[in-house]
Full PDB file with SEQRES, HELIX, SHEET, SSBOND, CRYST1, ORIGX, SCALE, CONECT and MASTER records, all heavy atoms in Angstrom:
SEQRES   1 A   34  PHE ALA ALA MET LYS ALA ASP TYR ALA ALA PHE ALA LYS          
SEQRES   2 A   34  THR ASN GLN VAL LEU GLU MET PRO ALA GLY TYR THR ALA          
SEQRES   3 A   34  ASP GLU GLN ILE ASN LEU TYR ALA                              
HELIX    1 AA1 ALA A    2  ASN A   15  1                                  14    
HELIX    2 AA2 ALA A   26  TYR A   33  1                                   8    
CRYST1    1.000    1.000    1.000  90.00  90.00  90.00 P 1           1          
ORIGX1      1.000000  0.000000  0.000000        0.00000                         
ORIGX2      0.000000  1.000000  0.000000        0.00000                         
ORIGX3      0.000000  0.000000  1.000000        0.00000                         
SCALE1      1.000000  0.000000  0.000000        0.00000                         
SCALE2      0.000000  1.000000  0.000000        0.00000                         
SCALE3      0.000000  0.000000  1.000000        0.00000                         
ATOM      1  N   PHE A   1      17.045  38.748  11.669  1.00  0.00           N  
ATOM      2  CA  PHE A   1      16.005  38.349  10.716  1.00  0.00           C  
ATOM      3  C   PHE A   1      16.412  37.075   9.985  1.00  0.00           C  
ATOM      4  O   PHE A   1      15.613  36.146   9.814  1.00  0.00           O  
ATOM      5  CB  PHE A   1      15.718  39.477   9.731  1.00  0.00           C  
ATOM      6  CG  PHE A   1      14.660  39.151   8.728  1.00  0.00           C  
ATOM      7  CD1 PHE A   1      13.338  38.993   9.118  1.00  0.00           C  
ATOM      8  CD2 PHE A   1      14.977  38.975   7.388  1.00  0.00           C  
ATOM      9  CE1 PHE A   1      12.347  38.681   8.195  1.00  0.00           C  
ATOM     10  CE2 PHE A   1      13.990  38.659   6.464  1.00  0.00           C  
ATOM     11  CZ  PHE A   1      12.678  38.516   6.865  1.00  0.00           C  
ATOM     12  N   ALA A   2      17.679  37.008   9.549  1.00  0.00           N  
ATOM     13  CA  ALA A   2      18.174  35.818   8.847  1.00  0.00           C  
ATOM     14  C   ALA A   2      18.112  34.597   9.768  1.00  0.00           C  
ATOM     15  O   ALA A   2      17.737  33.496   9.337  1.00  0.00           O  
ATOM     16  CB  ALA A   2      19.587  36.052   8.353  1.00  0.00           C  
ATOM     17  N   ALA A   3      18.452  34.790  11.036  1.00  0.00           N  
ATOM     18  CA  ALA A   3      18.396  33.685  11.992  1.00  0.00           C  
ATOM     19  C   ALA A   3      16.955  33.228  12.183  1.00  0.00           C  
ATOM     20  O   ALA A   3      16.678  32.013  12.262  1.00  0.00           O  
ATOM     21  CB  ALA A   3      19.005  34.113  13.323  1.00  0.00           C  
ATOM     22  N   MET A   4      16.040  34.175  12.267  1.00  0.00           N  
ATOM     23  CA  MET A   4      14.626  33.830  12.430  1.00  0.00           C  
ATOM     24  C   MET A   4      14.104  33.071  11.212  1.00  0.00           C  
ATOM     25  O   MET A   4      13.353  32.097  11.347  1.00  0.00           O  
ATOM     26  CB  MET A   4      13.791  35.092  12.677  1.00  0.00           C  
ATOM     27  CG  MET A   4      14.024  35.700  14.046  1.00  0.00           C  
ATOM     28  SD  MET A   4      13.216  37.281  14.282  1.00  0.00           S  
ATOM     29  CE  MET A   4      11.504  36.817  14.258  1.00  0.00           C  
ATOM     30  N   LYS A   5      14.504  33.510  10.015  1.00  0.00           N  
ATOM     31  CA  LYS A   5      14.077  32.805   8.805  1.00  0.00           C  
ATOM     32  C   LYS A   5      14.635  31.384   8.768  1.00  0.00           C  
ATOM     33  O   LYS A   5      13.942  30.439   8.391  1.00  0.00           O  
ATOM     34  CB  LYS A   5      14.515  33.584   7.555  1.00  0.00           C  
ATOM     35  CG  LYS A   5      13.621  34.778   7.264  1.00  0.00           C  
ATOM     36  CD  LYS A   5      13.922  35.390   5.937  1.00  0.00           C  
ATOM     37  CE  LYS A   5      13.313  34.530   4.874  1.00  0.00           C  
ATOM     38  NZ  LYS A   5      13.235  35.139   3.558  1.00  0.00           N  
ATOM     39  N   ALA A   6      15.878  31.229   9.188  1.00  0.00           N  
ATOM     40  CA  ALA A   6      16.486  29.896   9.215  1.00  0.00           C  
ATOM     41  C   ALA A   6      15.775  29.014  10.237  1.00  0.00           C  
ATOM     42  O   ALA A   6      15.509  27.826   9.969  1.00  0.00           O  
ATOM     43  CB  ALA A   6      17.976  30.007   9.544  1.00  0.00           C  
ATOM     44  N   ASP A   7      15.455  29.581  11.386  1.00  0.00           N  
ATOM     45  CA  ASP A   7      14.717  28.820  12.397  1.00  0.00           C  
ATOM     46  C   ASP A   7      13.343  28.398  11.881  1.00  0.00           C  
ATOM     47  O   ASP A   7      12.902  27.273  12.109  1.00  0.00           O  
ATOM     48  CB  ASP A   7      14.563  29.640  13.685  1.00  0.00           C  
ATOM     49  CG  ASP A   7      15.868  29.787  14.440  1.00  0.00           C  
ATOM     50  OD1 ASP A   7      16.812  29.017  14.155  1.00  0.00           O  
ATOM     51  OD2 ASP A   7      15.932  30.681  15.309  1.00  0.00           O  
ATOM     52  N   TYR A   8      12.681  29.311  11.188  1.00  0.00           N  
ATOM     53  CA  TYR A   8      11.359  28.969  10.657  1.00  0.00           C  
ATOM     54  C   TYR A   8      11.473  27.894   9.581  1.00  0.00           C  
ATOM     55  O   TYR A   8      10.640  26.984   9.519  1.00  0.00           O  
ATOM     56  CB  TYR A   8      10.644  30.200  10.088  1.00  0.00           C  
ATOM     57  CG  TYR A   8       9.293  29.828   9.515  1.00  0.00           C  
ATOM     58  CD1 TYR A   8       8.236  29.557  10.359  1.00  0.00           C  
ATOM     59  CD2 TYR A   8       9.097  29.691   8.140  1.00  0.00           C  
ATOM     60  CE1 TYR A   8       6.995  29.166   9.861  1.00  0.00           C  
ATOM     61  CE2 TYR A   8       7.878  29.300   7.630  1.00  0.00           C  
ATOM     62  CZ  TYR A   8       6.827  29.039   8.489  1.00  0.00           C  
ATOM     63  OH  TYR A   8       5.621  28.644   7.997  1.00  0.00           O  
ATOM     64  N   ALA A   9      12.492  27.982   8.738  1.00  0.00           N  
ATOM     65  CA  ALA A   9      12.681  26.967   7.699  1.00  0.00           C  
ATOM     66  C   ALA A   9      12.881  25.593   8.343  1.00  0.00           C  
ATOM     67  O   ALA A   9      12.311  24.593   7.877  1.00  0.00           O  
ATOM     68  CB  ALA A   9      13.856  27.329   6.811  1.00  0.00           C  
ATOM     69  N   ALA A  10      13.636  25.539   9.417  1.00  0.00           N  
ATOM     70  CA  ALA A  10      13.837  24.264  10.115  1.00  0.00           C  
ATOM     71  C   ALA A  10      12.523  23.786  10.739  1.00  0.00           C  
ATOM     72  O   ALA A  10      12.189  22.597  10.665  1.00  0.00           O  
ATOM     73  CB  ALA A  10      14.917  24.427  11.187  1.00  0.00           C  
ATOM     74  N   PHE A  11      11.785  24.699  11.339  1.00  0.00           N  
ATOM     75  CA  PHE A  11      10.493  24.363  11.933  1.00  0.00           C  
ATOM     76  C   PHE A  11       9.533  23.844  10.863  1.00  0.00           C  
ATOM     77  O   PHE A  11       8.842  22.839  11.062  1.00  0.00           O  
ATOM     78  CB  PHE A  11       9.902  25.610  12.609  1.00  0.00           C  
ATOM     79  CG  PHE A  11       8.468  25.456  13.029  1.00  0.00           C  
ATOM     80  CD1 PHE A  11       8.147  24.819  14.209  1.00  0.00           C  
ATOM     81  CD2 PHE A  11       7.433  25.951  12.235  1.00  0.00           C  
ATOM     82  CE1 PHE A  11       6.821  24.671  14.603  1.00  0.00           C  
ATOM     83  CE2 PHE A  11       6.121  25.801  12.612  1.00  0.00           C  
ATOM     84  CZ  PHE A  11       5.805  25.162  13.797  1.00  0.00           C  
ATOM     85  N   ALA A  12       9.479  24.525   9.720  1.00  0.00           N  
ATOM     86  CA  ALA A  12       8.575  24.136   8.641  1.00  0.00           C  
ATOM     87  C   ALA A  12       8.923  22.749   8.115  1.00  0.00           C  
ATOM     88  O   ALA A  12       8.020  21.941   7.841  1.00  0.00           O  
ATOM     89  CB  ALA A  12       8.631  25.166   7.521  1.00  0.00           C  
ATOM     90  N   LYS A  13      10.199  22.465   8.001  1.00  0.00           N  
ATOM     91  CA  LYS A  13      10.600  21.151   7.495  1.00  0.00           C  
ATOM     92  C   LYS A  13      10.255  20.060   8.511  1.00  0.00           C  
ATOM     93  O   LYS A  13       9.731  18.999   8.146  1.00  0.00           O  
ATOM     94  CB  LYS A  13      12.096  21.148   7.203  1.00  0.00           C  
ATOM     95  CG  LYS A  13      12.569  19.882   6.558  1.00  0.00           C  
ATOM     96  CD  LYS A  13      14.023  19.972   6.166  1.00  0.00           C  
ATOM     97  CE  LYS A  13      14.448  18.692   5.474  1.00  0.00           C  
ATOM     98  NZ  LYS A  13      15.861  18.697   5.133  1.00  0.00           N  
ATOM     99  N   THR A  14      10.507  20.331   9.779  1.00  0.00           N  
ATOM    100  CA  THR A  14      10.235  19.348  10.829  1.00  0.00           C  
ATOM    101  C   THR A  14       8.741  19.059  10.956  1.00  0.00           C  
ATOM    102  O   THR A  14       8.324  17.907  11.111  1.00  0.00           O  
ATOM    103  CB  THR A  14      10.761  19.856  12.188  1.00  0.00           C  
ATOM    104  OG1 THR A  14      12.156  20.135  12.067  1.00  0.00           O  
ATOM    105  CG2 THR A  14      10.538  18.845  13.285  1.00  0.00           C  
ATOM    106  N   ASN A  15       7.929  20.086  10.874  1.00  0.00           N  
ATOM    107  CA  ASN A  15       6.485  19.952  11.096  1.00  0.00           C  
ATOM    108  C   ASN A  15       5.669  19.849   9.809  1.00  0.00           C  
ATOM    109  O   ASN A  15       4.447  19.907   9.849  1.00  0.00           O  
ATOM    110  CB  ASN A  15       5.983  21.121  11.936  1.00  0.00           C  
ATOM    111  CG  ASN A  15       6.552  21.075  13.330  1.00  0.00           C  
ATOM    112  OD1 ASN A  15       6.277  20.155  14.082  1.00  0.00           O  
ATOM    113  ND2 ASN A  15       7.386  22.052  13.663  1.00  0.00           N  
ATOM    114  N   GLN A  16       6.344  19.726   8.680  1.00  0.00           N  
ATOM    115  CA  GLN A  16       5.706  19.565   7.364  1.00  0.00           C  
ATOM    116  C   GLN A  16       4.682  20.669   7.085  1.00  0.00           C  
ATOM    117  O   GLN A  16       3.544  20.413   6.690  1.00  0.00           O  
ATOM    118  CB  GLN A  16       5.049  18.193   7.257  1.00  0.00           C  
ATOM    119  CG  GLN A  16       6.027  17.059   7.414  1.00  0.00           C  
ATOM    120  CD  GLN A  16       5.361  15.699   7.407  1.00  0.00           C  
ATOM    121  OE1 GLN A  16       4.144  15.589   7.508  1.00  0.00           O  
ATOM    122  NE2 GLN A  16       6.151  14.655   7.283  1.00  0.00           N  
ATOM    123  N   VAL A  17       5.118  21.901   7.287  1.00  0.00           N  
ATOM    124  CA  VAL A  17       4.267  23.062   7.026  1.00  0.00           C  
ATOM    125  C   VAL A  17       4.142  23.234   5.511  1.00  0.00           C  
ATOM    126  O   VAL A  17       5.132  23.180   4.782  1.00  0.00           O  
ATOM    127  CB  VAL A  17       4.862  24.340   7.666  1.00  0.00           C  
ATOM    128  CG1 VAL A  17       4.054  25.561   7.284  1.00  0.00           C  
ATOM    129  CG2 VAL A  17       4.932  24.182   9.173  1.00  0.00           C  
ATOM    130  N   LEU A  18       2.912  23.425   5.051  1.00  0.00           N  
ATOM    131  CA  LEU A  18       2.670  23.607   3.623  1.00  0.00           C  
ATOM    132  C   LEU A  18       2.927  25.052   3.225  1.00  0.00           C  
ATOM    133  O   LEU A  18       2.684  25.977   3.995  1.00  0.00           O  
ATOM    134  CB  LEU A  18       1.230  23.234   3.275  1.00  0.00           C  
ATOM    135  CG  LEU A  18       0.826  21.792   3.547  1.00  0.00           C  
ATOM    136  CD1 LEU A  18      -0.665  21.605   3.274  1.00  0.00           C  
ATOM    137  CD2 LEU A  18       1.647  20.834   2.719  1.00  0.00           C  
ATOM    138  N   GLU A  19       3.375  25.231   1.996  1.00  0.00           N  
ATOM    139  CA  GLU A  19       3.571  26.575   1.457  1.00  0.00           C  
ATOM    140  C   GLU A  19       2.199  27.184   1.141  1.00  0.00           C  
ATOM    141  O   GLU A  19       1.249  26.471   0.821  1.00  0.00           O  
ATOM    142  CB  GLU A  19       4.409  26.534   0.178  1.00  0.00           C  
ATOM    143  CG  GLU A  19       5.853  26.124   0.410  1.00  0.00           C  
ATOM    144  CD  GLU A  19       6.615  27.154   1.205  1.00  0.00           C  
ATOM    145  OE1 GLU A  19       6.394  28.368   0.989  1.00  0.00           O  
ATOM    146  OE2 GLU A  19       7.429  26.749   2.062  1.00  0.00           O  
ATOM    147  N   MET A  20       2.121  28.482   1.207  1.00  0.00           N  
ATOM    148  CA  MET A  20       0.875  29.168   0.854  1.00  0.00           C  
ATOM    149  C   MET A  20       0.670  29.088  -0.654  1.00  0.00           C  
ATOM    150  O   MET A  20       1.613  29.250  -1.423  1.00  0.00           O  
ATOM    151  CB  MET A  20       0.918  30.635   1.280  1.00  0.00           C  
ATOM    152  CG  MET A  20       0.898  30.811   2.755  1.00  0.00           C  
ATOM    153  SD  MET A  20      -0.643  30.171   3.369  1.00  0.00           S  
ATOM    154  CE  MET A  20      -0.604  30.719   5.014  1.00  0.00           C  
ATOM    155  N   PRO A  21      -0.572  28.835  -1.083  1.00  0.00           N  
ATOM    156  CA  PRO A  21      -0.834  28.777  -2.526  1.00  0.00           C  
ATOM    157  C   PRO A  21      -0.640  30.151  -3.163  1.00  0.00           C  
ATOM    158  O   PRO A  21      -0.762  31.180  -2.500  1.00  0.00           O  
ATOM    159  CB  PRO A  21      -2.292  28.338  -2.620  1.00  0.00           C  
ATOM    160  CG  PRO A  21      -2.850  28.357  -1.248  1.00  0.00           C  
ATOM    161  CD  PRO A  21      -1.738  28.538  -0.285  1.00  0.00           C  
ATOM    162  N   ALA A  22      -0.359  30.146  -4.455  1.00  0.00           N  
ATOM    163  CA  ALA A  22      -0.180  31.400  -5.188  1.00  0.00           C  
ATOM    164  C   ALA A  22      -1.467  32.210  -5.156  1.00  0.00           C  
ATOM    165  O   ALA A  22      -2.557  31.666  -5.331  1.00  0.00           O  
ATOM    166  CB  ALA A  22       0.227  31.109  -6.626  1.00  0.00           C  
ATOM    167  N   GLY A  23      -1.359  33.483  -4.875  1.00  0.00           N  
ATOM    168  CA  GLY A  23      -2.522  34.358  -4.861  1.00  0.00           C  
ATOM    169  C   GLY A  23      -3.294  34.347  -3.556  1.00  0.00           C  
ATOM    170  O   GLY A  23      -4.322  35.000  -3.440  1.00  0.00           O  
ATOM    171  N   TYR A  24      -2.827  33.618  -2.552  1.00  0.00           N  
ATOM    172  CA  TYR A  24      -3.524  33.558  -1.270  1.00  0.00           C  
ATOM    173  C   TYR A  24      -3.337  34.858  -0.504  1.00  0.00           C  
ATOM    174  O   TYR A  24      -2.241  35.391  -0.432  1.00  0.00           O  
ATOM    175  CB  TYR A  24      -2.981  32.404  -0.427  1.00  0.00           C  
ATOM    176  CG  TYR A  24      -3.525  32.389   0.984  1.00  0.00           C  
ATOM    177  CD1 TYR A  24      -4.740  31.789   1.253  1.00  0.00           C  
ATOM    178  CD2 TYR A  24      -2.837  32.992   2.027  1.00  0.00           C  
ATOM    179  CE1 TYR A  24      -5.255  31.776   2.541  1.00  0.00           C  
ATOM    180  CE2 TYR A  24      -3.341  32.988   3.310  1.00  0.00           C  
ATOM    181  CZ  TYR A  24      -4.545  32.382   3.561  1.00  0.00           C  
ATOM    182  OH  TYR A  24      -5.049  32.376   4.836  1.00  0.00           O  
ATOM    183  N   THR A  25      -4.425  35.367   0.032  1.00  0.00           N  
ATOM    184  CA  THR A  25      -4.342  36.516   0.927  1.00  0.00           C  
ATOM    185  C   THR A  25      -5.209  36.219   2.139  1.00  0.00           C  
ATOM    186  O   THR A  25      -6.283  35.625   2.031  1.00  0.00           O  
ATOM    187  CB  THR A  25      -4.843  37.816   0.267  1.00  0.00           C  
ATOM    188  OG1 THR A  25      -6.211  37.662  -0.058  1.00  0.00           O  
ATOM    189  CG2 THR A  25      -4.043  38.173  -0.972  1.00  0.00           C  
ATOM    190  N   ALA A  26      -4.739  36.629   3.295  1.00  0.00           N  
ATOM    191  CA  ALA A  26      -5.498  36.394   4.521  1.00  0.00           C  
ATOM    192  C   ALA A  26      -6.815  37.161   4.485  1.00  0.00           C  
ATOM    193  O   ALA A  26      -7.840  36.666   4.948  1.00  0.00           O  
ATOM    194  CB  ALA A  26      -4.672  36.802   5.734  1.00  0.00           C  
ATOM    195  N   ASP A  27      -6.816  38.375   3.931  1.00  0.00           N  
ATOM    196  CA  ASP A  27      -8.039  39.177   3.860  1.00  0.00           C  
ATOM    197  C   ASP A  27      -9.135  38.448   3.092  1.00  0.00           C  
ATOM    198  O   ASP A  27     -10.296  38.419   3.503  1.00  0.00           O  
ATOM    199  CB  ASP A  27      -7.773  40.528   3.195  1.00  0.00           C  
ATOM    200  CG  ASP A  27      -6.930  41.442   4.066  1.00  0.00           C  
ATOM    201  OD1 ASP A  27      -6.854  41.188   5.285  1.00  0.00           O  
ATOM    202  OD2 ASP A  27      -6.356  42.404   3.523  1.00  0.00           O  
ATOM    203  N   GLU A  28      -8.773  37.858   1.985  1.00  0.00           N  
ATOM    204  CA  GLU A  28      -9.749  37.140   1.169  1.00  0.00           C  
ATOM    205  C   GLU A  28     -10.315  35.944   1.938  1.00  0.00           C  
ATOM    206  O   GLU A  28     -11.523  35.697   1.936  1.00  0.00           O  
ATOM    207  CB  GLU A  28      -9.078  36.674  -0.115  1.00  0.00           C  
ATOM    208  CG  GLU A  28     -10.001  36.024  -1.109  1.00  0.00           C  
ATOM    209  CD  GLU A  28      -9.290  35.651  -2.392  1.00  0.00           C  
ATOM    210  OE1 GLU A  28      -8.357  36.369  -2.787  1.00  0.00           O  
ATOM    211  OE2 GLU A  28      -9.689  34.642  -2.988  1.00  0.00           O  
ATOM    212  N   GLN A  29      -9.450  35.222   2.622  1.00  0.00           N  
ATOM    213  CA  GLN A  29      -9.893  34.059   3.393  1.00  0.00           C  
ATOM    214  C   GLN A  29     -10.791  34.475   4.559  1.00  0.00           C  
ATOM    215  O   GLN A  29     -11.801  33.833   4.830  1.00  0.00           O  
ATOM    216  CB  GLN A  29      -8.670  33.291   3.920  1.00  0.00           C  
ATOM    217  CG  GLN A  29      -9.006  31.958   4.510  1.00  0.00           C  
ATOM    218  CD  GLN A  29      -9.553  30.982   3.481  1.00  0.00           C  
ATOM    219  OE1 GLN A  29      -9.156  30.996   2.318  1.00  0.00           O  
ATOM    220  NE2 GLN A  29     -10.468  30.135   3.888  1.00  0.00           N  
ATOM    221  N   ILE A  30     -10.434  35.564   5.223  1.00  0.00           N  
ATOM    222  CA  ILE A  30     -11.247  36.056   6.342  1.00  0.00           C  
ATOM    223  C   ILE A  30     -12.623  36.492   5.848  1.00  0.00           C  
ATOM    224  O   ILE A  30     -13.650  36.174   6.460  1.00  0.00           O  
ATOM    225  CB  ILE A  30     -10.527  37.224   7.046  1.00  0.00           C  
ATOM    226  CG1 ILE A  30      -9.300  36.691   7.794  1.00  0.00           C  
ATOM    227  CG2 ILE A  30     -11.457  37.960   7.991  1.00  0.00           C  
ATOM    228  CD1 ILE A  30      -8.351  37.768   8.261  1.00  0.00           C  
ATOM    229  N   ASN A  31     -12.669  37.212   4.743  1.00  0.00           N  
ATOM    230  CA  ASN A  31     -13.953  37.651   4.192  1.00  0.00           C  
ATOM    231  C   ASN A  31     -14.818  36.476   3.754  1.00  0.00           C  
ATOM    232  O   ASN A  31     -16.034  36.479   3.960  1.00  0.00           O  
ATOM    233  CB  ASN A  31     -13.734  38.614   3.029  1.00  0.00           C  
ATOM    234  CG  ASN A  31     -13.207  39.949   3.482  1.00  0.00           C  
ATOM    235  OD1 ASN A  31     -13.422  40.365   4.621  1.00  0.00           O  
ATOM    236  ND2 ASN A  31     -12.493  40.626   2.603  1.00  0.00           N  
ATOM    237  N   LEU A  32     -14.206  35.478   3.162  1.00  0.00           N  
ATOM    238  CA  LEU A  32     -14.952  34.285   2.739  1.00  0.00           C  
ATOM    239  C   LEU A  32     -15.534  33.570   3.949  1.00  0.00           C  
ATOM    240  O   LEU A  32     -16.709  33.183   3.956  1.00  0.00           O  
ATOM    241  CB  LEU A  32     -14.039  33.348   1.946  1.00  0.00           C  
ATOM    242  CG  LEU A  32     -14.675  32.059   1.446  1.00  0.00           C  
ATOM    243  CD1 LEU A  32     -15.805  32.352   0.473  1.00  0.00           C  
ATOM    244  CD2 LEU A  32     -13.623  31.183   0.783  1.00  0.00           C  
ATOM    245  N   TYR A  33     -14.741  33.403   4.989  1.00  0.00           N  
ATOM    246  CA  TYR A  33     -15.210  32.738   6.204  1.00  0.00           C  
ATOM    247  C   TYR A  33     -16.341  33.544   6.846  1.00  0.00           C  
ATOM    248  O   TYR A  33     -17.354  32.986   7.261  1.00  0.00           O  
ATOM    249  CB  TYR A  33     -14.054  32.564   7.192  1.00  0.00           C  
ATOM    250  CG  TYR A  33     -14.473  31.919   8.487  1.00  0.00           C  
ATOM    251  CD1 TYR A  33     -14.668  30.545   8.562  1.00  0.00           C  
ATOM    252  CD2 TYR A  33     -14.692  32.673   9.625  1.00  0.00           C  
ATOM    253  CE1 TYR A  33     -15.065  29.940   9.745  1.00  0.00           C  
ATOM    254  CE2 TYR A  33     -15.088  32.085  10.815  1.00  0.00           C  
ATOM    255  CZ  TYR A  33     -15.271  30.720  10.872  1.00  0.00           C  
ATOM    256  OH  TYR A  33     -15.665  30.137  12.038  1.00  0.00           O  
ATOM    257  N   ALA A  34     -16.172  34.855   6.927  1.00  0.00           N  
ATOM    258  CA  ALA A  34     -17.204  35.704   7.531  1.00  0.00           C  
ATOM    259  C   ALA A  34     -18.503  35.620   6.738  1.00  0.00           C  
ATOM    260  O   ALA A  34     -19.592  35.575   7.319  1.00  0.00           O  
ATOM    261  CB  ALA A  34     -16.717  37.149   7.605  1.00  0.00           C  
TER     262      ALA A  34                                                      
MASTER        0    0    0    2    0    0    0    6  261    1    0    3          
END                                                                             
């Protein structure tokens, strides 16, 4: 798990992945889109 998190951190830095905003939930976004 630690290795996977480190790999993701490197991937996020390389690809400029944005952090999720505070209070974001996928359910809320899916319902809004629907």
